[in-house]
Amino acid sequence: MGLGDIVNKAKDLAADHPDKVEQGVDKAGDAVDQRTGGQHAEQVDKAQDAVRDRLAGGGQQPPA
């Protein structure tokens, strides 16, 4: 099983369980905020939004 297979499996699982993905994104952001004392909350929120957009079907990658 290659990396592409793993990525495709993760995408399939995310599509099948969007509520769990949402919880995971929120939990990860909360953990970062807690560890950084909220110093980077704005950046964390933007990252969470980017993940949500990407998983919601905005399949285009951001420009490099």
PDB file of N, CA and C in Angstrom:
ATOM      1  N   MET A   1       0.865  -1.177   0.000  1.00  0.00           N
ATOM      2  CA  MET A   1       0.000   0.000   0.000  1.00  0.00           C
ATOM      3  C   MET A   1       0.905   1.232   0.000  1.00  0.00           C
ATOM      4  N   GLY A   2       0.737   2.063  -1.007  1.00  0.00           N
ATOM      5  CA  GLY A   2       1.537   3.267  -1.129  1.00  0.00           C
ATOM      6  C   GLY A   2       0.878   4.462  -0.459  1.00  0.00           C
ATOM      7  N   LEU A   3       1.585   5.574  -0.479  1.00  0.00           N
ATOM      8  CA  LEU A   3       1.073   6.798   0.136  1.00  0.00           C
ATOM      9  C   LEU A   3      -0.230   7.240  -0.513  1.00  0.00           C
ATOM     10  N   GLY A   4      -0.318   7.110  -1.827  1.00  0.00           N
ATOM     11  CA  GLY A   4      -1.547   7.491  -2.523  1.00  0.00           C
ATOM     12  C   GLY A   4      -2.738   6.665  -2.067  1.00  0.00           C
ATOM     13  N   ASP A   5      -2.503   5.384  -1.818  1.00  0.00           N
ATOM     14  CA  ASP A   5      -3.578   4.518  -1.322  1.00  0.00           C
ATOM     15  C   ASP A   5      -4.035   4.956   0.058  1.00  0.00           C
ATOM     16  N   ILE A   6      -3.070   5.326   0.897  1.00  0.00           N
ATOM     17  CA  ILE A   6      -3.394   5.769   2.254  1.00  0.00           C
ATOM     18  C   ILE A   6      -4.190   7.064   2.213  1.00  0.00           C
ATOM     19  N   VAL A   7      -3.775   7.986   1.350  1.00  0.00           N
ATOM     20  CA  VAL A   7      -4.483   9.264   1.215  1.00  0.00           C
ATOM     21  C   VAL A   7      -5.914   9.028   0.731  1.00  0.00           C
ATOM     22  N   ASN A   8      -6.068   8.163  -0.250  1.00  0.00           N
ATOM     23  CA  ASN A   8      -7.407   7.884  -0.772  1.00  0.00           C
ATOM     24  C   ASN A   8      -8.289   7.235   0.289  1.00  0.00           C
ATOM     25  N   LYS A   9      -7.727   6.339   1.079  1.00  0.00           N
ATOM     26  CA  LYS A   9      -8.492   5.705   2.149  1.00  0.00           C
ATOM     27  C   LYS A   9      -8.914   6.752   3.182  1.00  0.00           C
ATOM     28  N   ALA A  10      -7.995   7.669   3.532  1.00  0.00           N
ATOM     29  CA  ALA A  10      -8.321   8.724   4.491  1.00  0.00           C
ATOM     30  C   ALA A  10      -9.433   9.612   3.950  1.00  0.00           C
ATOM     31  N   LYS A  11      -9.391   9.936   2.673  1.00  0.00           N
ATOM     32  CA  LYS A  11     -10.445  10.752   2.057  1.00  0.00           C
ATOM     33  C   LYS A  11     -11.787  10.035   2.113  1.00  0.00           C
ATOM     34  N   ASP A  12     -11.765   8.735   1.826  1.00  0.00           N
ATOM     35  CA  ASP A  12     -13.009   7.961   1.880  1.00  0.00           C
ATOM     36  C   ASP A  12     -13.585   7.933   3.283  1.00  0.00           C
ATOM     37  N   LEU A  13     -12.726   7.714   4.269  1.00  0.00           N
ATOM     38  CA  LEU A  13     -13.182   7.692   5.659  1.00  0.00           C
ATOM     39  C   LEU A  13     -13.732   9.053   6.073  1.00  0.00           C
ATOM     40  N   ALA A  14     -13.060  10.129   5.646  1.00  0.00           N
ATOM     41  CA  ALA A  14     -13.527  11.474   5.980  1.00  0.00           C
ATOM     42  C   ALA A  14     -14.896  11.739   5.351  1.00  0.00           C
ATOM     43  N   ALA A  15     -15.091  11.269   4.131  1.00  0.00           N
ATOM     44  CA  ALA A  15     -16.373  11.467   3.458  1.00  0.00           C
ATOM     45  C   ALA A  15     -17.483  10.679   4.148  1.00  0.00           C
ATOM     46  N   ASP A  16     -17.124   9.508   4.684  1.00  0.00           N
ATOM     47  CA  ASP A  16     -18.119   8.665   5.349  1.00  0.00           C
ATOM     48  C   ASP A  16     -18.460   9.151   6.753  1.00  0.00           C
ATOM     49  N   HIS A  17     -17.557   9.919   7.366  1.00  0.00           N
ATOM     50  CA  HIS A  17     -17.744  10.346   8.767  1.00  0.00           C
ATOM     51  C   HIS A  17     -17.402  11.829   8.953  1.00  0.00           C
ATOM     52  N   PRO A  18     -18.119  12.716   8.273  1.00  0.00           N
ATOM     53  CA  PRO A  18     -17.765  14.144   8.364  1.00  0.00           C
ATOM     54  C   PRO A  18     -17.905  14.709   9.770  1.00  0.00           C
ATOM     55  N   ASP A  19     -18.809  14.165  10.572  1.00  0.00           N
ATOM     56  CA  ASP A  19     -18.974  14.656  11.940  1.00  0.00           C
ATOM     57  C   ASP A  19     -17.727  14.368  12.773  1.00  0.00           C
ATOM     58  N   LYS A  20     -17.125  13.211  12.569  1.00  0.00           N
ATOM     59  CA  LYS A  20     -15.909  12.855  13.301  1.00  0.00           C
ATOM     60  C   LYS A  20     -14.734  13.722  12.855  1.00  0.00           C
ATOM     61  N   VAL A  21     -14.685  14.020  11.565  1.00  0.00           N
ATOM     62  CA  VAL A  21     -13.618  14.875  11.049  1.00  0.00           C
ATOM     63  C   VAL A  21     -13.740  16.268  11.656  1.00  0.00           C
ATOM     64  N   GLU A  22     -14.954  16.787  11.687  1.00  0.00           N
ATOM     65  CA  GLU A  22     -15.195  18.115  12.269  1.00  0.00           C
ATOM     66  C   GLU A  22     -14.751  18.146  13.726  1.00  0.00           C
ATOM     67  N   GLN A  23     -15.103  17.104  14.475  1.00  0.00           N
ATOM     68  CA  GLN A  23     -14.688  17.027  15.877  1.00  0.00           C
ATOM     69  C   GLN A  23     -13.167  16.993  15.993  1.00  0.00           C
ATOM     70  N   GLY A  24     -12.521  16.245  15.114  1.00  0.00           N
ATOM     71  CA  GLY A  24     -11.068  16.145  15.138  1.00  0.00           C
ATOM     72  C   GLY A  24     -10.392  17.466  14.827  1.00  0.00           C
ATOM     73  N   VAL A  25     -10.922  18.190  13.844  1.00  0.00           N
ATOM     74  CA  VAL A  25     -10.365  19.499  13.489  1.00  0.00           C
ATOM     75  C   VAL A  25     -10.513  20.459  14.668  1.00  0.00           C
ATOM     76  N   ASP A  26     -11.691  20.457  15.281  1.00  0.00           N
ATOM     77  CA  ASP A  26     -11.917  21.338  16.433  1.00  0.00           C
ATOM     78  C   ASP A  26     -11.008  20.969  17.604  1.00  0.00           C
ATOM     79  N   LYS A  27     -10.890  19.687  17.863  1.00  0.00           N
ATOM     80  CA  LYS A  27     -10.083  19.219  18.988  1.00  0.00           C
ATOM     81  C   LYS A  27      -8.600  19.553  18.778  1.00  0.00           C
ATOM     82  N   ALA A  28      -8.119  19.369  17.567  1.00  0.00           N
ATOM     83  CA  ALA A  28      -6.723  19.693  17.261  1.00  0.00           C
ATOM     84  C   ALA A  28      -6.469  21.192  17.422  1.00  0.00           C
ATOM     85  N   GLY A  29      -7.388  22.013  16.924  1.00  0.00           N
ATOM     86  CA  GLY A  29      -7.239  23.464  17.066  1.00  0.00           C
ATOM     87  C   GLY A  29      -7.270  23.894  18.518  1.00  0.00           C
ATOM     88  N   ASP A  30      -8.157  23.296  19.288  1.00  0.00           N
ATOM     89  CA  ASP A  30      -8.231  23.616  20.720  1.00  0.00           C
ATOM     90  C   ASP A  30      -6.943  23.238  21.437  1.00  0.00           C
ATOM     91  N   ALA A  31      -6.356  22.100  21.058  1.00  0.00           N
ATOM     92  CA  ALA A  31      -5.113  21.652  21.690  1.00  0.00           C
ATOM     93  C   ALA A  31      -3.973  22.619  21.380  1.00  0.00           C
ATOM     94  N   VAL A  32      -3.901  23.081  20.134  1.00  0.00           N
ATOM     95  CA  VAL A  32      -2.859  24.045  19.766  1.00  0.00           C
ATOM     96  C   VAL A  32      -3.070  25.347  20.524  1.00  0.00           C
ATOM     97  N   ASP A  33      -4.304  25.817  20.578  1.00  0.00           N
ATOM     98  CA  ASP A  33      -4.597  27.057  21.305  1.00  0.00           C
ATOM     99  C   ASP A  33      -4.202  26.931  22.775  1.00  0.00           C
ATOM    100  N   GLN A  34      -4.495  25.786  23.369  1.00  0.00           N
ATOM    101  CA  GLN A  34      -4.180  25.582  24.777  1.00  0.00           C
ATOM    102  C   GLN A  34      -2.667  25.586  24.994  1.00  0.00           C
ATOM    103  N   ARG A  35      -1.946  24.896  24.143  1.00  0.00           N
ATOM    104  CA  ARG A  35      -0.487  24.805  24.302  1.00  0.00           C
ATOM    105  C   ARG A  35       0.217  26.122  24.046  1.00  0.00           C
ATOM    106  N   THR A  36      -0.364  26.952  23.192  1.00  0.00           N
ATOM    107  CA  THR A  36       0.282  28.231  22.864  1.00  0.00           C
ATOM    108  C   THR A  36      -0.322  29.382  23.645  1.00  0.00           C
ATOM    109  N   GLY A  37      -1.233  29.078  24.559  1.00  0.00           N
ATOM    110  CA  GLY A  37      -1.871  30.133  25.329  1.00  0.00           C
ATOM    111  C   GLY A  37      -2.719  31.050  24.466  1.00  0.00           C
ATOM    112  N   GLY A  38      -3.174  30.553  23.334  1.00  0.00           N
ATOM    113  CA  GLY A  38      -4.028  31.345  22.448  1.00  0.00           C
ATOM    114  C   GLY A  38      -3.279  32.397  21.650  1.00  0.00           C
ATOM    115  N   GLN A  39      -1.949  32.379  21.713  1.00  0.00           N
ATOM    116  CA  GLN A  39      -1.158  33.393  21.008  1.00  0.00           C
ATOM    117  C   GLN A  39      -1.317  33.327  19.494  1.00  0.00           C
ATOM    118  N   HIS A  40      -1.660  32.166  19.003  1.00  0.00           N
ATOM    119  CA  HIS A  40      -1.765  31.982  17.557  1.00  0.00           C
ATOM    120  C   HIS A  40      -3.190  31.591  17.152  1.00  0.00           C
ATOM    121  N   ALA A  41      -4.152  32.012  17.938  1.00  0.00           N
ATOM    122  CA  ALA A  41      -5.540  31.603  17.722  1.00  0.00           C
ATOM    123  C   ALA A  41      -6.043  31.980  16.326  1.00  0.00           C
ATOM    124  N   GLU A  42      -5.671  33.151  15.856  1.00  0.00           N
ATOM    125  CA  GLU A  42      -6.142  33.589  14.532  1.00  0.00           C
ATOM    126  C   GLU A  42      -5.605  32.669  13.433  1.00  0.00           C
ATOM    127  N   GLN A  43      -4.315  32.317  13.520  1.00  0.00           N
ATOM    128  CA  GLN A  43      -3.728  31.430  12.528  1.00  0.00           C
ATOM    129  C   GLN A  43      -4.325  30.024  12.624  1.00  0.00           C
ATOM    130  N   VAL A  44      -4.570  29.564  13.857  1.00  0.00           N
ATOM    131  CA  VAL A  44      -5.171  28.248  14.055  1.00  0.00           C
ATOM    132  C   VAL A  44      -6.572  28.220  13.443  1.00  0.00           C
ATOM    133  N   ASP A  45      -7.340  29.278  13.664  1.00  0.00           N
ATOM    134  CA  ASP A  45      -8.686  29.349  13.090  1.00  0.00           C
ATOM    135  C   ASP A  45      -8.634  29.309  11.565  1.00  0.00           C
ATOM    136  N   LYS A  46      -7.674  30.019  10.984  1.00  0.00           N
ATOM    137  CA  LYS A  46      -7.535  30.006   9.521  1.00  0.00           C
ATOM    138  C   LYS A  46      -7.171  28.612   9.021  1.00  0.00           C
ATOM    139  N   ALA A  47      -6.301  27.932   9.757  1.00  0.00           N
ATOM    140  CA  ALA A  47      -5.912  26.572   9.369  1.00  0.00           C
ATOM    141  C   ALA A  47      -7.106  25.623   9.469  1.00  0.00           C
ATOM    142  N   GLN A  48      -7.889  25.764  10.527  1.00  0.00           N
ATOM    143  CA  GLN A  48      -9.082  24.931  10.675  1.00  0.00           C
ATOM    144  C   GLN A  48     -10.046  25.176   9.518  1.00  0.00           C
ATOM    145  N   ASP A  49     -10.246  26.427   9.170  1.00  0.00           N
ATOM    146  CA  ASP A  49     -11.138  26.754   8.053  1.00  0.00           C
ATOM    147  C   ASP A  49     -10.612  26.167   6.739  1.00  0.00           C
ATOM    148  N   ALA A  50      -9.282  26.223   6.541  1.00  0.00           N
ATOM    149  CA  ALA A  50      -8.687  25.685   5.326  1.00  0.00           C
ATOM    150  C   ALA A  50      -8.897  24.175   5.248  1.00  0.00           C
ATOM    151  N   VAL A  51      -8.753  23.491   6.368  1.00  0.00           N
ATOM    152  CA  VAL A  51      -8.970  22.042   6.392  1.00  0.00           C
ATOM    153  C   VAL A  51     -10.429  21.740   6.071  1.00  0.00           C
ATOM    154  N   ARG A  52     -11.336  22.483   6.682  1.00  0.00           N
ATOM    155  CA  ARG A  52     -12.764  22.255   6.432  1.00  0.00           C
ATOM    156  C   ARG A  52     -13.101  22.489   4.955  1.00  0.00           C
ATOM    157  N   ASP A  53     -12.565  23.569   4.388  1.00  0.00           N
ATOM    158  CA  ASP A  53     -12.813  23.871   2.975  1.00  0.00           C
ATOM    159  C   ASP A  53     -12.261  22.761   2.080  1.00  0.00           C
ATOM    160  N   ARG A  54     -11.086  22.309   2.399  1.00  0.00           N
ATOM    161  CA  ARG A  54     -10.432  21.261   1.596  1.00  0.00           C
ATOM    162  C   ARG A  54     -11.243  19.971   1.647  1.00  0.00           C
ATOM    163  N   LEU A  55     -11.714  19.620   2.837  1.00  0.00           N
ATOM    164  CA  LEU A  55     -12.465  18.389   2.984  1.00  0.00           C
ATOM    165  C   LEU A  55     -13.882  18.501   2.440  1.00  0.00           C
ATOM    166  N   ALA A  56     -14.380  19.718   2.336  1.00  0.00           N
ATOM    167  CA  ALA A  56     -15.745  19.930   1.836  1.00  0.00           C
ATOM    168  C   ALA A  56     -15.803  19.860   0.322  1.00  0.00           C
ATOM    169  N   GLY A  57     -14.665  19.626  -0.303  1.00  0.00           N
ATOM    170  CA  GLY A  57     -14.673  19.467  -1.753  1.00  0.00           C
ATOM    171  C   GLY A  57     -13.972  20.577  -2.492  1.00  0.00           C
ATOM    172  N   GLY A  58     -13.354  21.485  -1.788  1.00  0.00           N
ATOM    173  CA  GLY A  58     -12.574  22.513  -2.440  1.00  0.00           C
ATOM    174  C   GLY A  58     -11.232  21.921  -2.830  1.00  0.00           C
ATOM    175  N   GLY A  59     -11.249  20.893  -3.666  1.00  0.00           N
ATOM    176  CA  GLY A  59     -10.115  20.047  -3.934  1.00  0.00           C
ATOM    177  C   GLY A  59      -8.916  20.705  -4.568  1.00  0.00           C
ATOM    178  N   GLN A  60      -8.955  21.988  -4.822  1.00  0.00           N
ATOM    179  CA  GLN A  60      -7.808  22.645  -5.420  1.00  0.00           C
ATOM    180  C   GLN A  60      -6.790  22.959  -4.339  1.00  0.00           C
ATOM    181  N   GLN A  61      -5.525  22.753  -4.694  1.00  0.00           N
ATOM    182  CA  GLN A  61      -4.474  23.061  -3.738  1.00  0.00           C
ATOM    183  C   GLN A  61      -4.204  24.556  -3.775  1.00  0.00           C
ATOM    184  N   PRO A  62      -3.810  25.125  -2.617  1.00  0.00           N
ATOM    185  CA  PRO A  62      -3.484  26.548  -2.612  1.00  0.00           C
ATOM    186  C   PRO A  62      -2.237  26.806  -3.433  1.00  0.00           C
ATOM    187  N   PRO A  63      -2.092  28.023  -3.954  1.00  0.00           N
ATOM    188  CA  PRO A  63      -0.903  28.325  -4.751  1.00  0.00           C
ATOM    189  C   PRO A  63       0.355  28.226  -3.891  1.00  0.00           C
ATOM    190  N   ALA A  64       1.444  27.800  -4.525  1.00  0.00           N
ATOM    191  CA  ALA A  64       2.713  27.622  -3.794  1.00  0.00           C
ATOM    192  C   ALA A  64       3.405  28.940  -3.576  1.00  0.00           C
TER     193      ALA A  64
END
